[in-house]
Protein backbone atom coordinates (compact mmCIF):
# COMPACT_ATOMS: atom_id res chain seq x y z
CA UNK A 1 -37.10 -7.95 17.75
CA UNK A 2 -34.65 -9.29 15.04
CA UNK A 3 -33.31 -12.12 15.45
CA UNK A 4 -29.32 -12.04 16.24
CA UNK A 5 -27.19 -12.22 13.44
CA UNK A 6 -24.83 -15.33 13.96
CA UNK A 7 -21.26 -14.40 12.40
CA UNK A 8 -19.41 -17.23 10.98
CA UNK A 9 -15.99 -17.32 12.10
CA UNK A 10 -14.48 -19.06 9.19
CA UNK A 11 -16.35 -16.75 6.17
CA UNK A 12 -15.22 -13.82 8.39
CA UNK A 13 -11.52 -14.44 8.22
CA UNK A 14 -11.88 -15.85 4.54
CA UNK A 15 -13.50 -11.86 4.14
CA UNK A 16 -10.85 -10.04 6.07
CA UNK A 17 -8.30 -12.62 3.89
CA UNK A 18 -9.65 -11.56 0.62
CA UNK A 19 -9.88 -7.86 1.65
CA UNK A 20 -6.01 -8.04 2.31
CA UNK A 21 -5.11 -9.88 -0.74
CA UNK A 22 -7.22 -7.03 -2.40
CA UNK A 23 -4.72 -4.15 -0.52
CA UNK A 24 -1.84 -5.91 -1.41
CA UNK A 25 -2.58 -6.13 -4.93
CA UNK A 26 -2.75 -2.19 -4.95
CA UNK A 27 0.43 -2.00 -2.84
CA UNK A 28 1.99 -4.08 -5.59
CA UNK A 29 0.44 -2.25 -8.22
CA UNK A 30 1.29 1.36 -6.95
CA UNK A 31 4.91 -0.49 -6.57
CA UNK A 32 5.62 -1.62 -10.00
CA UNK A 33 4.21 1.96 -11.63
CA UNK A 34 6.59 3.97 -9.15
CA UNK A 35 9.37 1.64 -10.60
CA UNK A 36 8.00 2.26 -14.17
CA UNK A 37 7.93 6.10 -13.44
CA UNK A 38 11.74 6.14 -12.73
CA UNK A 39 12.81 3.88 -15.63
CA UNK A 40 10.95 5.47 -18.37
CA UNK A 41 12.41 7.97 -20.32
CA UNK A 42 9.34 9.95 -21.74
CA UNK A 43 8.97 12.56 -19.41
CA UNK A 44 10.55 15.86 -18.75
CA UNK A 45 13.64 15.35 -15.93
CA UNK A 46 13.40 18.20 -13.50
CA UNK A 47 17.34 20.28 -13.56
CA UNK A 48 16.91 21.76 -10.19
CA UNK A 49 18.41 19.55 -7.60
CA UNK A 50 15.77 20.68 -5.07
CA UNK A 51 12.92 19.48 -7.36
CA UNK A 52 15.01 16.22 -8.22
CA UNK A 53 15.55 15.36 -4.64
CA UNK A 54 11.91 14.79 -3.88
CA UNK A 55 12.15 11.56 -6.00
CA UNK A 56 13.88 10.53 -2.52
CA UNK A 57 10.32 10.25 -1.60
CA UNK A 58 10.02 7.03 -3.78
CA UNK A 59 12.64 5.48 -1.29
CA UNK A 60 10.09 6.15 1.77
CA UNK A 61 6.78 5.37 -0.31
CA UNK A 62 8.19 2.06 -1.27
CA UNK A 63 9.34 1.15 2.68
CA UNK A 64 5.25 2.16 3.25
CA UNK A 65 4.30 -0.12 0.66
CA UNK A 66 6.76 -3.13 1.40
CA UNK A 67 5.10 -2.80 5.50
CA UNK A 68 1.69 -3.03 3.85
CA UNK A 69 2.67 -6.00 1.93
CA UNK A 70 4.52 -7.50 4.97
CA UNK A 71 1.30 -7.25 7.17
CA UNK A 72 -0.89 -8.57 4.34
CA UNK A 73 1.06 -11.49 4.85
CA UNK A 74 0.24 -11.80 8.53
CA UNK A 75 -3.38 -11.58 7.41
CA UNK A 76 -3.07 -14.64 5.57
CA UNK A 77 -1.09 -16.34 8.08
CA UNK A 78 -3.95 -15.47 10.89
CA UNK A 79 -6.21 -16.91 8.87
CA UNK A 80 -4.32 -20.12 8.21
CA UNK A 81 -3.63 -20.39 11.60
CA UNK A 82 -7.07 -20.06 12.42
CA UNK A 83 -8.28 -22.66 10.02
CA UNK A 84 -5.66 -25.47 10.99
CA UNK A 85 -5.92 -25.37 14.64
CA UNK A 86 -7.59 -27.88 16.29
CA UNK A 87 -9.44 -25.70 18.76
CA UNK A 88 -9.07 -22.36 17.27
CA UNK A 89 -9.40 -19.38 20.00
CA UNK A 90 -11.45 -17.17 17.67
CA UNK A 91 -10.98 -13.97 20.14
CA UNK A 92 -7.10 -14.08 19.95
CA UNK A 93 -6.95 -15.26 16.21
CA UNK A 94 -9.67 -12.12 15.50
CA UNK A 95 -7.73 -9.59 17.71
CA UNK A 96 -4.30 -10.57 15.49
CA UNK A 97 -6.55 -10.47 12.33
CA UNK A 98 -7.71 -7.02 13.01
CA UNK A 99 -4.45 -5.42 14.10
CA UNK A 100 -2.23 -6.74 11.19
CA UNK A 101 -5.57 -5.73 8.88
CA UNK A 102 -5.29 -2.08 10.17
CA UNK A 103 -1.54 -1.90 10.12
CA UNK A 104 -2.05 -2.93 6.60
CA UNK A 105 -4.43 -0.65 5.46
CA UNK A 106 -2.69 2.26 7.43
CA UNK A 107 0.65 1.67 5.36
CA UNK A 108 -0.77 1.45 2.13
CA UNK A 109 -2.43 5.05 3.45
CA UNK A 110 0.91 6.43 3.96
CA UNK A 111 2.27 4.97 0.89
CA UNK A 112 -0.12 6.47 -1.28
CA UNK A 113 0.41 9.87 0.56
CA UNK A 114 4.10 9.79 0.23
CA UNK A 115 3.35 9.28 -3.63
CA UNK A 116 0.62 11.61 -3.65
CA UNK A 117 2.84 14.38 -2.03
CA UNK A 118 5.27 13.61 -4.52
CA UNK A 119 3.14 13.94 -7.70
CA UNK A 120 1.79 16.77 -6.53
CA UNK A 121 5.33 18.38 -6.32
CA UNK A 122 6.08 16.96 -9.64
CA UNK A 123 2.82 18.26 -10.86
CA UNK A 124 3.67 22.17 -9.75
CA UNK A 125 7.25 21.64 -11.30
CA UNK A 126 5.64 20.58 -14.69
CA UNK A 127 3.03 23.57 -14.60
CA UNK A 128 5.48 26.34 -13.08
CA UNK A 129 8.46 25.35 -14.80
CA UNK A 130 10.12 27.18 -17.82
CA UNK A 131 12.70 24.30 -18.61
CA UNK A 132 12.84 23.58 -22.39
CA UNK A 133 11.30 20.77 -23.76
CA UNK A 134 14.60 19.54 -25.66
CA UNK A 135 16.26 19.03 -22.10
CA UNK A 136 15.09 15.82 -21.36
CA UNK A 137 17.13 13.71 -19.17
């Protein structure tokens, strides 16, 4: 029978916090890239109000990314709370960390889904439009 694996709580919390930092970095990268996409002028701007209104999806995507970053800070707080308690409650701390990390991942996925949807609409418009290249916005 193989020996039982003993989980080091500190190492487990630090690994989860490291993963959370990576997710926060990805969320910030997508957030910055989407702002850059709006500010740069080297792309064709849709003339159709309906297609242009898909840019409102950015607000929804930013909201999801902001929630992901928020839950990332809560993961860091759970780690710090665990490390600085005199008698840490591993089970309660683990539940809080797992919950916050789950929400961070979910909100990042929702944000990526929103931006992916926008990109699919923009790509379809770009492929099928007959808009003149000289009409950049």
